[in-house]
Amino acid sequence: MAQATYPEQIRALKPTDIDSTIGSGFQWPPAITSEGTLAISSGKDHVEDCVLRLVHYNNGYLVGAYSFGGNVPQRVFGVLATNTVGLTKDDIETAIANWEDRVDTVRVTVAKSMDSQVAMEIIIQYQLSLTGSDESMTFPIPKG
């Protein structure tokens, strides 16, 4: 039987060990390496890729996991209503809470931008469960 690992033990690991504990997978968006294989991300970069994937998927896009996604494309490219910002924020928070177990303390800010090239800006702030490190991502959504 495997021995339990506690967060304090994980925080004491070397960075390379933490990367393997957090996990790895295909990079998002998909990329090809110079050797012609699909690029792999690991550690906190992989968590960021997974959050990015959640933001870019609408519900129903992933076969077998129909609730996967933050519905950002649907909200941004759909009918622009007065509650679009609030619905986008709620959708992203729900998607991360439901699908990304490696993340705690999610704070999503969605704001209409004053920039002439950007329609909306999404800022996601979160804490990695295993390391306790604070991370932040920003997504500018260009005007149509």
C-alpha atoms as a PDB file:
ATOM      1  CA  MET A   1       0.000   0.000   0.000  1.00  0.00           C
ATOM      2  CA  ALA A   2       1.337   3.440  -0.934  1.00  0.00           C
ATOM      3  CA  GLN A   3       2.315   5.842   1.828  1.00  0.00           C
ATOM      4  CA  ALA A   4       0.368   9.126   2.045  1.00  0.00           C
ATOM      5  CA  THR A   5       2.146  12.335   1.044  1.00  0.00           C
ATOM      6  CA  TYR A   6       1.255  15.537   2.869  1.00  0.00           C
ATOM      7  CA  PRO A   7       1.500  19.140   1.574  1.00  0.00           C
ATOM      8  CA  GLU A   8       4.351  19.945   3.997  1.00  0.00           C
ATOM      9  CA  GLN A   9       6.400  17.099   2.511  1.00  0.00           C
ATOM     10  CA  ILE A  10       5.667  18.265  -1.023  1.00  0.00           C
ATOM     11  CA  ARG A  11       6.688  21.866  -0.280  1.00  0.00           C
ATOM     12  CA  ALA A  12      10.062  20.554   0.958  1.00  0.00           C
ATOM     13  CA  LEU A  13      10.804  18.774  -2.333  1.00  0.00           C
ATOM     14  CA  LYS A  14      13.253  20.100  -4.911  1.00  0.00           C
ATOM     15  CA  PRO A  15      11.660  22.100  -7.795  1.00  0.00           C
ATOM     16  CA  THR A  16      12.136  19.220 -10.249  1.00  0.00           C
ATOM     17  CA  ASP A  17      10.386  16.861  -7.836  1.00  0.00           C
ATOM     18  CA  ILE A  18       7.537  19.351  -7.405  1.00  0.00           C
ATOM     19  CA  ASP A  19       7.137  19.532 -11.189  1.00  0.00           C
ATOM     20  CA  SER A  20       6.732  15.768 -11.377  1.00  0.00           C
ATOM     21  CA  THR A  21       4.293  15.796  -8.420  1.00  0.00           C
ATOM     22  CA  ILE A  22       2.117  18.515 -10.006  1.00  0.00           C
ATOM     23  CA  GLY A  23       2.055  16.608 -13.276  1.00  0.00           C
ATOM     24  CA  SER A  24       2.726  17.026 -16.962  1.00  0.00           C
ATOM     25  CA  GLY A  25       0.878  16.767 -20.235  1.00  0.00           C
ATOM     26  CA  PHE A  26       0.519  18.208 -23.691  1.00  0.00           C
ATOM     27  CA  GLN A  27       1.206  21.915 -23.978  1.00  0.00           C
ATOM     28  CA  TRP A  28      -1.743  24.211 -24.708  1.00  0.00           C
ATOM     29  CA  PRO A  29      -2.114  25.528 -27.325  1.00  0.00           C
ATOM     30  CA  PRO A  30      -0.623  22.477 -29.013  1.00  0.00           C
ATOM     31  CA  ALA A  31       2.881  22.962 -30.371  1.00  0.00           C
ATOM     32  CA  ILE A  32       5.369  20.817 -32.266  1.00  0.00           C
ATOM     33  CA  THR A  33       8.960  20.503 -31.009  1.00  0.00           C
ATOM     34  CA  SER A  34      12.005  20.674 -33.267  1.00  0.00           C
ATOM     35  CA  GLU A  35      12.070  16.842 -33.167  1.00  0.00           C
ATOM     36  CA  GLY A  36       8.548  16.735 -34.623  1.00  0.00           C
ATOM     37  CA  THR A  37       6.754  15.589 -31.458  1.00  0.00           C
ATOM     38  CA  LEU A  38       4.007  17.290 -29.476  1.00  0.00           C
ATOM     39  CA  ALA A  39       5.385  19.684 -26.855  1.00  0.00           C
ATOM     40  CA  ILE A  40       4.966  18.715 -23.206  1.00  0.00           C
ATOM     41  CA  SER A  41       4.564  21.082 -20.256  1.00  0.00           C
ATOM     42  CA  SER A  42       5.107  20.183 -16.610  1.00  0.00           C
ATOM     43  CA  GLY A  43       4.738  21.643 -13.143  1.00  0.00           C
ATOM     44  CA  LYS A  44       3.178  25.063 -12.765  1.00  0.00           C
ATOM     45  CA  ASP A  45       3.425  25.593 -16.547  1.00  0.00           C
ATOM     46  CA  HIS A  46       1.171  22.561 -17.034  1.00  0.00           C
ATOM     47  CA  VAL A  47      -1.374  23.904 -14.542  1.00  0.00           C
ATOM     48  CA  GLU A  48      -1.350  27.208 -16.435  1.00  0.00           C
ATOM     49  CA  ASP A  49      -1.881  25.318 -19.713  1.00  0.00           C
ATOM     50  CA  CYS A  50      -4.837  23.456 -18.184  1.00  0.00           C
ATOM     51  CA  VAL A  51      -6.432  26.690 -16.935  1.00  0.00           C
ATOM     52  CA  LEU A  52      -5.859  28.210 -20.373  1.00  0.00           C
ATOM     53  CA  ARG A  53      -7.575  25.215 -21.984  1.00  0.00           C
ATOM     54  CA  LEU A  54     -10.547  25.638 -19.635  1.00  0.00           C
ATOM     55  CA  VAL A  55     -10.872  29.283 -20.636  1.00  0.00           C
ATOM     56  CA  HIS A  56     -10.791  28.473 -24.360  1.00  0.00           C
ATOM     57  CA  TYR A  57     -13.418  25.695 -24.325  1.00  0.00           C
ATOM     58  CA  ASN A  58     -17.189  26.039 -24.364  1.00  0.00           C
ATOM     59  CA  ASN A  59     -19.304  23.501 -22.515  1.00  0.00           C
ATOM     60  CA  GLY A  60     -19.949  20.555 -24.787  1.00  0.00           C
ATOM     61  CA  TYR A  61     -16.698  20.798 -26.795  1.00  0.00           C
ATOM     62  CA  LEU A  62     -14.978  17.942 -24.976  1.00  0.00           C
ATOM     63  CA  VAL A  63     -16.633  14.619 -25.769  1.00  0.00           C
ATOM     64  CA  GLY A  64     -17.552  12.743 -22.600  1.00  0.00           C
ATOM     65  CA  ALA A  65     -16.992  15.782 -20.363  1.00  0.00           C
ATOM     66  CA  TYR A  66     -19.782  18.060 -21.491  1.00  0.00           C
ATOM     67  CA  SER A  67     -19.482  20.448 -18.548  1.00  0.00           C
ATOM     68  CA  PHE A  68     -15.762  21.059 -19.253  1.00  0.00           C
ATOM     69  CA  GLY A  69     -15.006  24.647 -20.211  1.00  0.00           C
ATOM     70  CA  GLY A  70     -15.319  28.255 -19.161  1.00  0.00           C
ATOM     71  CA  ASN A  71     -17.619  29.290 -22.038  1.00  0.00           C
ATOM     72  CA  VAL A  72     -15.478  32.323 -22.875  1.00  0.00           C
ATOM     73  CA  PRO A  73     -15.844  31.914 -26.675  1.00  0.00           C
ATOM     74  CA  GLN A  74     -19.620  31.668 -26.281  1.00  0.00           C
ATOM     75  CA  ARG A  75     -19.758  34.765 -24.066  1.00  0.00           C
ATOM     76  CA  VAL A  76     -17.322  36.879 -26.081  1.00  0.00           C
ATOM     77  CA  PHE A  77     -18.538  36.004 -29.567  1.00  0.00           C
ATOM     78  CA  GLY A  78     -22.215  35.660 -28.657  1.00  0.00           C
ATOM     79  CA  VAL A  79     -24.775  38.359 -28.087  1.00  0.00           C
ATOM     80  CA  LEU A  80     -23.216  41.114 -25.972  1.00  0.00           C
ATOM     81  CA  ALA A  81     -25.570  41.744 -23.076  1.00  0.00           C
ATOM     82  CA  THR A  82     -25.259  43.849 -19.951  1.00  0.00           C
ATOM     83  CA  ASN A  83     -24.526  40.758 -17.839  1.00  0.00           C
ATOM     84  CA  THR A  84     -21.846  39.259 -20.147  1.00  0.00           C
ATOM     85  CA  VAL A  85     -18.993  40.271 -17.820  1.00  0.00           C
ATOM     86  CA  GLY A  86     -20.654  38.720 -14.751  1.00  0.00           C
ATOM     87  CA  LEU A  87     -21.606  35.512 -16.582  1.00  0.00           C
ATOM     88  CA  THR A  88     -18.071  35.142 -17.969  1.00  0.00           C
ATOM     89  CA  LYS A  89     -16.577  35.542 -14.476  1.00  0.00           C
ATOM     90  CA  ASP A  90     -18.999  32.985 -12.984  1.00  0.00           C
ATOM     91  CA  ASP A  91     -18.391  30.475 -15.804  1.00  0.00           C
ATOM     92  CA  ILE A  92     -14.595  30.637 -15.418  1.00  0.00           C
ATOM     93  CA  GLU A  93     -14.713  30.333 -11.614  1.00  0.00           C
ATOM     94  CA  THR A  94     -17.068  27.342 -11.849  1.00  0.00           C
ATOM     95  CA  ALA A  95     -14.943  25.616 -14.519  1.00  0.00           C
ATOM     96  CA  ILE A  96     -11.716  25.990 -12.520  1.00  0.00           C
ATOM     97  CA  ALA A  97     -13.393  24.845  -9.281  1.00  0.00           C
ATOM     98  CA  ASN A  98     -14.868  21.782 -11.012  1.00  0.00           C
ATOM     99  CA  TRP A  99     -11.948  20.742 -13.215  1.00  0.00           C
ATOM    100  CA  GLU A 100      -8.644  21.936 -11.746  1.00  0.00           C
ATOM    101  CA  ASP A 101      -7.925  20.301  -8.366  1.00  0.00           C
ATOM    102  CA  ARG A 102      -4.345  21.606  -8.241  1.00  0.00           C
ATOM    103  CA  VAL A 103      -5.592  25.177  -7.799  1.00  0.00           C
ATOM    104  CA  ASP A 104      -6.924  26.906  -4.670  1.00  0.00           C
ATOM    105  CA  THR A 105      -8.175  30.395  -3.936  1.00  0.00           C
ATOM    106  CA  VAL A 106      -9.315  31.389  -7.414  1.00  0.00           C
ATOM    107  CA  ARG A 107     -10.095  35.046  -8.081  1.00  0.00           C
ATOM    108  CA  VAL A 108     -11.361  35.970 -11.524  1.00  0.00           C
ATOM    109  CA  THR A 109     -11.677  39.565 -12.694  1.00  0.00           C
ATOM    110  CA  VAL A 110     -13.405  40.330 -15.982  1.00  0.00           C
ATOM    111  CA  ALA A 111     -13.479  43.937 -17.127  1.00  0.00           C
ATOM    112  CA  LYS A 112     -14.348  45.806 -20.264  1.00  0.00           C
ATOM    113  CA  SER A 113     -11.213  47.443 -21.576  1.00  0.00           C
ATOM    114  CA  MET A 114     -10.673  51.085 -22.505  1.00  0.00           C
ATOM    115  CA  ASP A 115      -8.009  49.985 -25.017  1.00  0.00           C
ATOM    116  CA  SER A 116      -9.216  50.497 -28.594  1.00  0.00           C
ATOM    117  CA  GLN A 117      -7.929  47.039 -29.627  1.00  0.00           C
ATOM    118  CA  VAL A 118      -9.208  45.024 -26.643  1.00  0.00           C
ATOM    119  CA  ALA A 119     -12.878  44.379 -25.902  1.00  0.00           C
ATOM    120  CA  MET A 120     -12.461  42.637 -22.568  1.00  0.00           C
ATOM    121  CA  GLU A 121      -9.664  41.594 -20.216  1.00  0.00           C
ATOM    122  CA  ILE A 122      -9.782  38.472 -18.048  1.00  0.00           C
ATOM    123  CA  ILE A 123      -7.422  38.206 -15.078  1.00  0.00           C
ATOM    124  CA  ILE A 124      -7.205  34.903 -13.198  1.00  0.00           C
ATOM    125  CA  GLN A 125      -5.346  34.827  -9.880  1.00  0.00           C
ATOM    126  CA  TYR A 126      -4.897  31.526  -8.081  1.00  0.00           C
ATOM    127  CA  GLN A 127      -2.754  29.632  -5.622  1.00  0.00           C
ATOM    128  CA  LEU A 128      -1.161  26.267  -6.416  1.00  0.00           C
ATOM    129  CA  SER A 129      -2.375  23.729  -3.845  1.00  0.00           C
ATOM    130  CA  LEU A 130       0.883  21.806  -3.581  1.00  0.00           C
ATOM    131  CA  THR A 131       3.362  24.677  -3.376  1.00  0.00           C
ATOM    132  CA  GLY A 132       1.264  27.547  -2.025  1.00  0.00           C
ATOM    133  CA  SER A 133       2.706  29.873  -4.688  1.00  0.00           C
ATOM    134  CA  ASP A 134       0.505  32.646  -6.051  1.00  0.00           C
ATOM    135  CA  GLU A 135       0.087  32.766  -9.817  1.00  0.00           C
ATOM    136  CA  SER A 136      -1.671  35.141 -12.193  1.00  0.00           C
ATOM    137  CA  MET A 137      -2.769  34.997 -15.835  1.00  0.00           C
ATOM    138  CA  THR A 138      -4.155  37.739 -18.084  1.00  0.00           C
ATOM    139  CA  PHE A 139      -6.197  37.193 -21.247  1.00  0.00           C
ATOM    140  CA  PRO A 140      -6.883  40.205 -23.466  1.00  0.00           C
ATOM    141  CA  ILE A 141      -9.894  39.488 -25.686  1.00  0.00           C
ATOM    142  CA  PRO A 142      -9.505  41.456 -28.945  1.00  0.00           C
ATOM    143  CA  LYS A 143     -12.387  43.338 -30.518  1.00  0.00           C
ATOM    144  CA  GLY A 144     -14.147  41.423 -33.267  1.00  0.00           C
END
